[in-house]
PDB file of N, CA and C in Angstrom:
ATOM      1  N   MET A   1     -62.081  -5.615 -11.595  1.00  0.00           N
ATOM      2  CA  MET A   1     -62.334  -4.203 -11.397  1.00  0.00           C
ATOM      3  C   MET A   1     -61.202  -3.604 -10.568  1.00  0.00           C
ATOM      4  N   TYR A   2     -60.882  -2.363 -10.890  1.00  0.00           N
ATOM      5  CA  TYR A   2     -59.814  -1.663 -10.184  1.00  0.00           C
ATOM      6  C   TYR A   2     -60.426  -0.519  -9.398  1.00  0.00           C
ATOM      7  N   ASP A   3     -60.308  -0.592  -8.095  1.00  0.00           N
ATOM      8  CA  ASP A   3     -60.852   0.447  -7.228  1.00  0.00           C
ATOM      9  C   ASP A   3     -59.774   1.491  -6.986  1.00  0.00           C
ATOM     10  N   VAL A   4     -59.731   2.466  -7.900  1.00  0.00           N
ATOM     11  CA  VAL A   4     -58.656   3.456  -7.891  1.00  0.00           C
ATOM     12  C   VAL A   4     -59.232   4.825  -8.215  1.00  0.00           C
ATOM     13  N   ILE A   5     -58.686   5.844  -7.584  1.00  0.00           N
ATOM     14  CA  ILE A   5     -59.003   7.230  -7.932  1.00  0.00           C
ATOM     15  C   ILE A   5     -57.743   7.847  -8.508  1.00  0.00           C
ATOM     16  N   VAL A   6     -57.862   8.475  -9.666  1.00  0.00           N
ATOM     17  CA  VAL A   6     -56.757   9.215 -10.279  1.00  0.00           C
ATOM     18  C   VAL A   6     -57.226  10.656 -10.419  1.00  0.00           C
ATOM     19  N   ILE A   7     -56.470  11.573  -9.857  1.00  0.00           N
ATOM     20  CA  ILE A   7     -56.813  12.988  -9.940  1.00  0.00           C
ATOM     21  C   ILE A   7     -55.577  13.782 -10.346  1.00  0.00           C
ATOM     22  N   PHE A   8     -55.814  15.010 -10.749  1.00  0.00           N
ATOM     23  CA  PHE A   8     -54.734  15.968 -10.975  1.00  0.00           C
ATOM     24  C   PHE A   8     -54.931  17.075  -9.965  1.00  0.00           C
ATOM     25  N   GLY A   9     -53.921  17.312  -9.153  1.00  0.00           N
ATOM     26  CA  GLY A   9     -54.035  18.328  -8.119  1.00  0.00           C
ATOM     27  C   GLY A   9     -52.694  18.639  -7.505  1.00  0.00           C
ATOM     28  N   ASN A  10     -52.704  19.565  -6.592  1.00  0.00           N
ATOM     29  CA  ASN A  10     -51.500  19.946  -5.871  1.00  0.00           C
ATOM     30  C   ASN A  10     -51.217  18.867  -4.823  1.00  0.00           C
ATOM     31  N   PRO A  11     -50.069  18.199  -4.920  1.00  0.00           N
ATOM     32  CA  PRO A  11     -49.753  17.147  -3.943  1.00  0.00           C
ATOM     33  C   PRO A  11     -49.851  17.615  -2.494  1.00  0.00           C
ATOM     34  N   ASP A  12     -49.555  18.897  -2.237  1.00  0.00           N
ATOM     35  CA  ASP A  12     -49.647  19.419  -0.869  1.00  0.00           C
ATOM     36  C   ASP A  12     -51.050  19.243  -0.295  1.00  0.00           C
ATOM     37  N   ASN A  13     -52.056  19.234  -1.150  1.00  0.00           N
ATOM     38  CA  ASN A  13     -53.440  19.126  -0.687  1.00  0.00           C
ATOM     39  C   ASN A  13     -53.931  17.696  -0.557  1.00  0.00           C
ATOM     40  N   TYR A  14     -53.276  16.736  -1.210  1.00  0.00           N
ATOM     41  CA  TYR A  14     -53.845  15.393  -1.305  1.00  0.00           C
ATOM     42  C   TYR A  14     -53.021  14.264  -0.684  1.00  0.00           C
ATOM     43  N   VAL A  15     -51.746  14.455  -0.488  1.00  0.00           N
ATOM     44  CA  VAL A  15     -50.910  13.382   0.076  1.00  0.00           C
ATOM     45  C   VAL A  15     -51.385  13.001   1.469  1.00  0.00           C
ATOM     46  N   SER A  16     -51.783  13.975   2.249  1.00  0.00           N
ATOM     47  CA  SER A  16     -52.253  13.675   3.610  1.00  0.00           C
ATOM     48  C   SER A  16     -53.579  12.923   3.598  1.00  0.00           C
ATOM     49  N   ARG A  17     -54.230  12.846   2.453  1.00  0.00           N
ATOM     50  CA  ARG A  17     -55.499  12.117   2.310  1.00  0.00           C
ATOM     51  C   ARG A  17     -55.303  10.749   1.656  1.00  0.00           C
ATOM     52  N   GLY A  18     -54.048  10.321   1.592  1.00  0.00           N
ATOM     53  CA  GLY A  18     -53.766   8.974   1.102  1.00  0.00           C
ATOM     54  C   GLY A  18     -53.392   8.866  -0.363  1.00  0.00           C
ATOM     55  N   PHE A  19     -53.316   9.978  -1.077  1.00  0.00           N
ATOM     56  CA  PHE A  19     -52.907   9.932  -2.479  1.00  0.00           C
ATOM     57  C   PHE A  19     -51.395   9.856  -2.577  1.00  0.00           C
ATOM     58  N   LYS A  20     -50.940   9.164  -3.605  1.00  0.00           N
ATOM     59  CA  LYS A  20     -49.503   8.996  -3.839  1.00  0.00           C
ATOM     60  C   LYS A  20     -49.184   9.367  -5.280  1.00  0.00           C
ATOM     61  N   SER A  21     -47.913   9.523  -5.543  1.00  0.00           N
ATOM     62  CA  SER A  21     -47.448   9.840  -6.889  1.00  0.00           C
ATOM     63  C   SER A  21     -47.834   8.743  -7.869  1.00  0.00           C
ATOM     64  N   CYS A  22     -48.233   9.144  -9.060  1.00  0.00           N
ATOM     65  CA  CYS A  22     -48.569   8.170 -10.111  1.00  0.00           C
ATOM     66  C   CYS A  22     -47.369   7.290 -10.456  1.00  0.00           C
ATOM     67  N   LYS A  23     -46.187   7.805 -10.262  1.00  0.00           N
ATOM     68  CA  LYS A  23     -44.963   7.039 -10.560  1.00  0.00           C
ATOM     69  C   LYS A  23     -44.868   5.809  -9.662  1.00  0.00           C
ATOM     70  N   LYS A  24     -45.315   5.911  -8.418  1.00  0.00           N
ATOM     71  CA  LYS A  24     -45.256   4.771  -7.499  1.00  0.00           C
ATOM     72  C   LYS A  24     -46.120   3.611  -7.954  1.00  0.00           C
ATOM     73  N   PHE A  25     -47.147   3.913  -8.775  1.00  0.00           N
ATOM     74  CA  PHE A  25     -48.032   2.867  -9.289  1.00  0.00           C
ATOM     75  C   PHE A  25     -47.769   2.579 -10.762  1.00  0.00           C
ATOM     76  N   ASP A  26     -46.749   3.229 -11.316  1.00  0.00           N
ATOM     77  CA  ASP A  26     -46.378   3.084 -12.730  1.00  0.00           C
ATOM     78  C   ASP A  26     -47.550   3.405 -13.652  1.00  0.00           C
ATOM     79  N   ILE A  27     -48.226   4.532 -13.347  1.00  0.00           N
ATOM     80  CA  ILE A  27     -49.307   5.033 -14.193  1.00  0.00           C
ATOM     81  C   ILE A  27     -48.803   6.299 -14.872  1.00  0.00           C
ATOM     82  N   CYS A  28     -48.775   6.277 -16.193  1.00  0.00           N
ATOM     83  CA  CYS A  28     -48.266   7.420 -16.944  1.00  0.00           C
ATOM     84  C   CYS A  28     -49.311   7.917 -17.928  1.00  0.00           C
ATOM     85  N   ILE A  29     -49.025   9.059 -18.516  1.00  0.00           N
ATOM     86  CA  ILE A  29     -49.785   9.526 -19.667  1.00  0.00           C
ATOM     87  C   ILE A  29     -48.784   9.553 -20.808  1.00  0.00           C
ATOM     88  N   LYS A  30     -49.270   9.442 -22.017  1.00  0.00           N
ATOM     89  CA  LYS A  30     -48.386   9.397 -23.179  1.00  0.00           C
ATOM     90  C   LYS A  30     -47.378   8.274 -22.972  1.00  0.00           C
ATOM     91  N   GLU A  31     -46.188   8.457 -23.453  1.00  0.00           N
ATOM     92  CA  GLU A  31     -45.143   7.445 -23.292  1.00  0.00           C
ATOM     93  C   GLU A  31     -44.219   7.840 -22.146  1.00  0.00           C
ATOM     94  N   ASP A  32     -44.350   7.181 -21.038  1.00  0.00           N
ATOM     95  CA  ASP A  32     -43.479   7.380 -19.882  1.00  0.00           C
ATOM     96  C   ASP A  32     -43.439   8.819 -19.371  1.00  0.00           C
ATOM     97  N   PHE A  33     -44.557   9.514 -19.428  1.00  0.00           N
ATOM     98  CA  PHE A  33     -44.655  10.857 -18.851  1.00  0.00           C
ATOM     99  C   PHE A  33     -45.477  10.742 -17.576  1.00  0.00           C
ATOM    100  N   TYR A  34     -44.840  11.016 -16.455  1.00  0.00           N
ATOM    101  CA  TYR A  34     -45.467  10.920 -15.136  1.00  0.00           C
ATOM    102  C   TYR A  34     -45.635  12.345 -14.584  1.00  0.00           C
ATOM    103  N   PRO A  35     -46.816  12.962 -14.771  1.00  0.00           N
ATOM    104  CA  PRO A  35     -47.008  14.336 -14.288  1.00  0.00           C
ATOM    105  C   PRO A  35     -46.925  14.413 -12.763  1.00  0.00           C
ATOM    106  N   ALA A  36     -46.238  15.422 -12.285  1.00  0.00           N
ATOM    107  CA  ALA A  36     -46.117  15.612 -10.839  1.00  0.00           C
ATOM    108  C   ALA A  36     -47.488  15.827 -10.193  1.00  0.00           C
ATOM    109  N   ALA A  37     -48.441  16.352 -10.951  1.00  0.00           N
ATOM    110  CA  ALA A  37     -49.772  16.633 -10.405  1.00  0.00           C
ATOM    111  C   ALA A  37     -50.732  15.449 -10.494  1.00  0.00           C
ATOM    112  N   MET A  38     -50.320  14.345 -11.145  1.00  0.00           N
ATOM    113  CA  MET A  38     -51.217  13.192 -11.246  1.00  0.00           C
ATOM    114  C   MET A  38     -51.032  12.319 -10.008  1.00  0.00           C
ATOM    115  N   LEU A  39     -52.108  12.200  -9.250  1.00  0.00           N
ATOM    116  CA  LEU A  39     -52.065  11.507  -7.965  1.00  0.00           C
ATOM    117  C   LEU A  39     -53.014  10.331  -7.974  1.00  0.00           C
ATOM    118  N   VAL A  40     -52.654   9.296  -7.251  1.00  0.00           N
ATOM    119  CA  VAL A  40     -53.401   8.037  -7.277  1.00  0.00           C
ATOM    120  C   VAL A  40     -53.692   7.575  -5.853  1.00  0.00           C
ATOM    121  N   LYS A  41     -54.906   7.050  -5.685  1.00  0.00           N
ATOM    122  CA  LYS A  41     -55.268   6.436  -4.403  1.00  0.00           C
ATOM    123  C   LYS A  41     -55.941   5.104  -4.703  1.00  0.00           C
ATOM    124  N   GLU A  42     -55.359   4.024  -4.208  1.00  0.00           N
ATOM    125  CA  GLU A  42     -55.978   2.701  -4.319  1.00  0.00           C
ATOM    126  C   GLU A  42     -57.044   2.593  -3.238  1.00  0.00           C
ATOM    127  N   LEU A  43     -58.264   2.323  -3.631  1.00  0.00           N
ATOM    128  CA  LEU A  43     -59.335   2.109  -2.659  1.00  0.00           C
ATOM    129  C   LEU A  43     -59.303   0.672  -2.158  1.00  0.00           C
ATOM    130  N   THR A  44     -58.781  -0.222  -2.991  1.00  0.00           N
ATOM    131  CA  THR A  44     -58.521  -1.601  -2.598  1.00  0.00           C
ATOM    132  C   THR A  44     -57.014  -1.791  -2.706  1.00  0.00           C
ATOM    133  N   GLU A  45     -56.356  -1.874  -1.569  1.00  0.00           N
ATOM    134  CA  GLU A  45     -54.897  -1.956  -1.550  1.00  0.00           C
ATOM    135  C   GLU A  45     -54.388  -3.122  -2.397  1.00  0.00           C
ATOM    136  N   GLY A  46     -53.396  -2.828  -3.232  1.00  0.00           N
ATOM    137  CA  GLY A  46     -52.771  -3.851  -4.053  1.00  0.00           C
ATOM    138  C   GLY A  46     -53.479  -4.153  -5.359  1.00  0.00           C
ATOM    139  N   CYS A  47     -54.566  -3.437  -5.656  1.00  0.00           N
ATOM    140  CA  CYS A  47     -55.302  -3.753  -6.888  1.00  0.00           C
ATOM    141  C   CYS A  47     -54.513  -3.373  -8.136  1.00  0.00           C
ATOM    142  N   LEU A  48     -53.609  -2.435  -8.019  1.00  0.00           N
ATOM    143  CA  LEU A  48     -52.724  -2.104  -9.148  1.00  0.00           C
ATOM    144  C   LEU A  48     -51.485  -2.981  -8.993  1.00  0.00           C
ATOM    145  N   ASP A  49     -51.499  -4.082  -9.656  1.00  0.00           N
ATOM    146  CA  ASP A  49     -50.595  -5.199  -9.392  1.00  0.00           C
ATOM    147  C   ASP A  49     -49.243  -5.136 -10.103  1.00  0.00           C
ATOM    148  N   LYS A  50     -48.549  -4.040  -9.946  1.00  0.00           N
ATOM    149  CA  LYS A  50     -47.175  -3.891 -10.441  1.00  0.00           C
ATOM    150  C   LYS A  50     -47.064  -3.877 -11.961  1.00  0.00           C
ATOM    151  N   ARG A  51     -48.199  -3.826 -12.673  1.00  0.00           N
ATOM    152  CA  ARG A  51     -48.129  -3.685 -14.121  1.00  0.00           C
ATOM    153  C   ARG A  51     -47.943  -2.217 -14.472  1.00  0.00           C
ATOM    154  N   LYS A  52     -47.548  -1.959 -15.714  1.00  0.00           N
ATOM    155  CA  LYS A  52     -47.462  -0.593 -16.204  1.00  0.00           C
ATOM    156  C   LYS A  52     -48.855  -0.194 -16.687  1.00  0.00           C
ATOM    157  N   TRP A  53     -49.292   1.006 -16.295  1.00  0.00           N
ATOM    158  CA  TRP A  53     -50.611   1.507 -16.639  1.00  0.00           C
ATOM    159  C   TRP A  53     -50.479   2.821 -17.391  1.00  0.00           C
ATOM    160  N   ARG A  54     -51.486   3.117 -18.214  1.00  0.00           N
ATOM    161  CA  ARG A  54     -51.516   4.401 -18.914  1.00  0.00           C
ATOM    162  C   ARG A  54     -52.865   5.044 -18.687  1.00  0.00           C
ATOM    163  N   TYR A  55     -52.846   6.278 -18.235  1.00  0.00           N
ATOM    164  CA  TYR A  55     -54.061   7.047 -18.007  1.00  0.00           C
ATOM    165  C   TYR A  55     -54.473   7.696 -19.320  1.00  0.00           C
ATOM    166  N   ILE A  56     -55.719   7.486 -19.714  1.00  0.00           N
ATOM    167  CA  ILE A  56     -56.266   8.101 -20.915  1.00  0.00           C
ATOM    168  C   ILE A  56     -57.461   8.942 -20.488  1.00  0.00           C
ATOM    169  N   GLU A  57     -57.374  10.219 -20.737  1.00  0.00           N
ATOM    170  CA  GLU A  57     -58.435  11.125 -20.326  1.00  0.00           C
ATOM    171  C   GLU A  57     -59.692  10.897 -21.152  1.00  0.00           C
ATOM    172  N   SER A  58     -60.827  10.941 -20.494  1.00  0.00           N
ATOM    173  CA  SER A  58     -62.121  10.764 -21.145  1.00  0.00           C
ATOM    174  C   SER A  58     -62.407  11.929 -22.094  1.00  0.00           C
ATOM    175  N   GLU A  59     -63.134  11.638 -23.161  1.00  0.00           N
ATOM    176  CA  GLU A  59     -63.539  12.668 -24.113  1.00  0.00           C
ATOM    177  C   GLU A  59     -64.440  13.714 -23.469  1.00  0.00           C
ATOM    178  N   VAL A  60     -65.049  13.385 -22.349  1.00  0.00           N
ATOM    179  CA  VAL A  60     -65.944  14.324 -21.671  1.00  0.00           C
ATOM    180  C   VAL A  60     -65.199  15.604 -21.265  1.00  0.00           C
ATOM    181  N   TYR A  61     -63.879  15.534 -21.169  1.00  0.00           N
ATOM    182  CA  TYR A  61     -63.083  16.697 -20.790  1.00  0.00           C
ATOM    183  C   TYR A  61     -62.738  17.600 -21.971  1.00  0.00           C
ATOM    184  N   GLN A  62     -63.160  17.240 -23.172  1.00  0.00           N
ATOM    185  CA  GLN A  62     -62.955  18.091 -24.341  1.00  0.00           C
ATOM    186  C   GLN A  62     -64.013  19.191 -24.299  1.00  0.00           C
ATOM    187  N   ILE A  63     -63.604  20.398 -23.969  1.00  0.00           N
ATOM    188  CA  ILE A  63     -64.533  21.492 -23.724  1.00  0.00           C
ATOM    189  C   ILE A  63     -64.735  22.320 -24.991  1.00  0.00           C
ATOM    190  N   ASP A  64     -65.995  22.591 -25.300  1.00  0.00           N
ATOM    191  CA  ASP A  64     -66.353  23.493 -26.389  1.00  0.00           C
ATOM    192  C   ASP A  64     -66.268  24.910 -25.819  1.00  0.00           C
ATOM    193  N   GLU A  65     -65.229  25.634 -26.176  1.00  0.00           N
ATOM    194  CA  GLU A  65     -64.975  26.962 -25.601  1.00  0.00           C
ATOM    195  C   GLU A  65     -66.139  27.932 -25.859  1.00  0.00           C
ATOM    196  N   LYS A  66     -66.712  27.906 -27.052  1.00  0.00           N
ATOM    197  CA  LYS A  66     -67.823  28.822 -27.364  1.00  0.00           C
ATOM    198  C   LYS A  66     -69.044  28.494 -26.511  1.00  0.00           C
ATOM    199  N   ALA A  67     -69.361  27.225 -26.356  1.00  0.00           N
ATOM    200  CA  ALA A  67     -70.496  26.830 -25.519  1.00  0.00           C
ATOM    201  C   ALA A  67     -70.250  27.221 -24.066  1.00  0.00           C
ATOM    202  N   MET A  68     -69.007  27.105 -23.617  1.00  0.00           N
ATOM    203  CA  MET A  68     -68.664  27.486 -22.250  1.00  0.00           C
ATOM    204  C   MET A  68     -68.871  28.986 -22.051  1.00  0.00           C
ATOM    205  N   GLU A  69     -68.441  29.775 -23.022  1.00  0.00           N
ATOM    206  CA  GLU A  69     -68.612  31.226 -22.921  1.00  0.00           C
ATOM    207  C   GLU A  69     -70.095  31.592 -22.862  1.00  0.00           C
ATOM    208  N   GLN A  70     -70.912  30.935 -23.680  1.00  0.00           N
ATOM    209  CA  GLN A  70     -72.358  31.185 -23.668  1.00  0.00           C
ATOM    210  C   GLN A  70     -72.959  30.807 -22.315  1.00  0.00           C
ATOM    211  N   PHE A  71     -72.548  29.681 -21.764  1.00  0.00           N
ATOM    212  CA  PHE A  71     -73.028  29.242 -20.452  1.00  0.00           C
ATOM    213  C   PHE A  71     -72.648  30.257 -19.382  1.00  0.00           C
ATOM    214  N   ASP A  72     -71.408  30.735 -19.425  1.00  0.00           N
ATOM    215  CA  ASP A  72     -70.937  31.702 -18.432  1.00  0.00           C
ATOM    216  C   ASP A  72     -71.746  33.001 -18.471  1.00  0.00           C
ATOM    217  N   LEU A  73     -72.276  33.374 -19.644  1.00  0.00           N
ATOM    218  CA  LEU A  73     -73.067  34.601 -19.766  1.00  0.00           C
ATOM    219  C   LEU A  73     -74.373  34.532 -18.978  1.00  0.00           C
ATOM    220  N   SER A  74     -74.803  33.336 -18.604  1.00  0.00           N
ATOM    221  CA  SER A  74     -76.043  33.188 -17.847  1.00  0.00           C
ATOM    222  C   SER A  74     -75.872  33.496 -16.355  1.00  0.00           C
ATOM    223  N   PHE A  75     -74.655  33.766 -15.942  1.00  0.00           N
ATOM    224  CA  PHE A  75     -74.372  34.079 -14.538  1.00  0.00           C
ATOM    225  C   PHE A  75     -74.080  35.565 -14.371  1.00  0.00           C
ATOM    226  N   GLU A  76     -74.214  36.020 -13.150  1.00  0.00           N
ATOM    227  CA  GLU A  76     -73.847  37.397 -12.837  1.00  0.00           C
ATOM    228  C   GLU A  76     -72.368  37.591 -13.148  1.00  0.00           C
ATOM    229  N   LYS A  77     -72.058  38.711 -13.767  1.00  0.00           N
ATOM    230  CA  LYS A  77     -70.673  38.974 -14.163  1.00  0.00           C
ATOM    231  C   LYS A  77     -69.811  39.144 -12.910  1.00  0.00           C
ATOM    232  N   MET A  78     -68.653  38.488 -12.931  1.00  0.00           N
ATOM    233  CA  MET A  78     -67.703  38.584 -11.822  1.00  0.00           C
ATOM    234  C   MET A  78     -66.364  39.066 -12.362  1.00  0.00           C
ATOM    235  N   GLU A  79     -65.625  39.718 -11.514  1.00  0.00           N
ATOM    236  CA  GLU A  79     -64.289  40.163 -11.883  1.00  0.00           C
ATOM    237  C   GLU A  79     -63.372  38.941 -11.980  1.00  0.00           C
ATOM    238  N   LYS A  80     -62.642  38.855 -13.087  1.00  0.00           N
ATOM    239  CA  LYS A  80     -61.679  37.762 -13.221  1.00  0.00           C
ATOM    240  C   LYS A  80     -60.455  38.100 -12.396  1.00  0.00           C
ATOM    241  N   LYS A  81     -60.000  37.122 -11.654  1.00  0.00           N
ATOM    242  CA  LYS A  81     -58.831  37.310 -10.793  1.00  0.00           C
ATOM    243  C   LYS A  81     -57.839  36.192 -11.044  1.00  0.00           C
ATOM    244  N   PHE A  82     -56.625  36.440 -10.684  1.00  0.00           N
ATOM    245  CA  PHE A  82     -55.585  35.431 -10.763  1.00  0.00           C
ATOM    246  C   PHE A  82     -55.124  35.139  -9.347  1.00  0.00           C
ATOM    247  N   GLN A  83     -55.097  33.858  -8.977  1.00  0.00           N
ATOM    248  CA  GLN A  83     -54.639  33.451  -7.654  1.00  0.00           C
ATOM    249  C   GLN A  83     -53.267  32.790  -7.788  1.00  0.00           C
ATOM    250  N   PRO A  84     -52.364  32.998  -6.845  1.00  0.00           N
ATOM    251  CA  PRO A  84     -51.054  32.340  -6.910  1.00  0.00           C
ATOM    252  C   PRO A  84     -51.165  30.818  -7.016  1.00  0.00           C
ATOM    253  N   SER A  85     -52.210  30.240  -6.458  1.00  0.00           N
ATOM    254  CA  SER A  85     -52.384  28.785  -6.523  1.00  0.00           C
ATOM    255  C   SER A  85     -52.554  28.310  -7.969  1.00  0.00           C
ATOM    256  N   GLN A  86     -53.043  29.189  -8.865  1.00  0.00           N
ATOM    257  CA  GLN A  86     -53.174  28.818 -10.272  1.00  0.00           C
ATOM    258  C   GLN A  86     -51.793  28.596 -10.898  1.00  0.00           C
ATOM    259  N   GLU A  87     -50.853  29.444 -10.571  1.00  0.00           N
ATOM    260  CA  GLU A  87     -49.490  29.273 -11.086  1.00  0.00           C
ATOM    261  C   GLU A  87     -48.842  28.038 -10.468  1.00  0.00           C
ATOM    262  N   GLU A  88     -49.091  27.835  -9.187  1.00  0.00           N
ATOM    263  CA  GLU A  88     -48.551  26.654  -8.512  1.00  0.00           C
ATOM    264  C   GLU A  88     -49.054  25.374  -9.183  1.00  0.00           C
ATOM    265  N   PHE A  89     -50.361  25.319  -9.485  1.00  0.00           N
ATOM    266  CA  PHE A  89     -50.906  24.136 -10.157  1.00  0.00           C
ATOM    267  C   PHE A  89     -50.354  24.006 -11.569  1.00  0.00           C
ATOM    268  N   TYR A  90     -50.193  25.112 -12.267  1.00  0.00           N
ATOM    269  CA  TYR A  90     -49.614  25.073 -13.611  1.00  0.00           C
ATOM    270  C   TYR A  90     -48.228  24.427 -13.574  1.00  0.00           C
ATOM    271  N   ILE A  91     -47.430  24.838 -12.605  1.00  0.00           N
ATOM    272  CA  ILE A  91     -46.075  24.278 -12.471  1.00  0.00           C
ATOM    273  C   ILE A  91     -46.148  22.779 -12.196  1.00  0.00           C
ATOM    274  N   HIS A  92     -46.972  22.373 -11.249  1.00  0.00           N
ATOM    275  CA  HIS A  92     -47.106  20.948 -10.927  1.00  0.00           C
ATOM    276  C   HIS A  92     -47.594  20.148 -12.140  1.00  0.00           C
ATOM    277  N   SER A  93     -48.599  20.672 -12.828  1.00  0.00           N
ATOM    278  CA  SER A  93     -49.209  19.898 -13.914  1.00  0.00           C
ATOM    279  C   SER A  93     -48.339  19.831 -15.171  1.00  0.00           C
ATOM    280  N   HIS A  94     -47.358  20.717 -15.274  1.00  0.00           N
ATOM    281  CA  HIS A  94     -46.458  20.670 -16.427  1.00  0.00           C
ATOM    282  C   HIS A  94     -45.081  20.114 -16.068  1.00  0.00           C
ATOM    283  N   SER A  95     -44.923  19.674 -14.843  1.00  0.00           N
ATOM    284  CA  SER A  95     -43.673  19.052 -14.393  1.00  0.00           C
ATOM    285  C   SER A  95     -43.819  17.553 -14.430  1.00  0.00           C
ATOM    286  N   LYS A  96     -42.716  16.864 -14.675  1.00  0.00           N
ATOM    287  CA  LYS A  96     -42.794  15.409 -14.682  1.00  0.00           C
ATOM    288  C   LYS A  96     -41.804  14.824 -13.684  1.00  0.00           C
ATOM    289  N   ILE A  97     -42.122  13.626 -13.260  1.00  0.00           N
ATOM    290  CA  ILE A  97     -41.274  12.875 -12.341  1.00  0.00           C
ATOM    291  C   ILE A  97     -40.417  11.935 -13.174  1.00  0.00           C
ATOM    292  N   ILE A  98     -39.134  11.952 -12.930  1.00  0.00           N
ATOM    293  CA  ILE A  98     -38.257  11.048 -13.696  1.00  0.00           C
ATOM    294  C   ILE A  98     -37.663   9.994 -12.795  1.00  0.00           C
TER     295      ILE A  98
END
């Protein structure tokens, strides 16, 4: 068993909590794509034993957009806003480490 957490987030928020770049653990998505926003924390130190790893996203993250819109209608309507942090995360999540 591998005691590891893999998340996608802004490194500024997670490095101080013990997360490191996926590149340091040789965990990629696709073929040798190391997203800057993919962060890893070993809960058991050394459990990722220098092998090359590939992160495969679970099917649970495949969102039915129409079902989501219907679900959202059950809540009080809120004004949609754009936060600068959304652009910051977009940049991180579409950048890769070489």
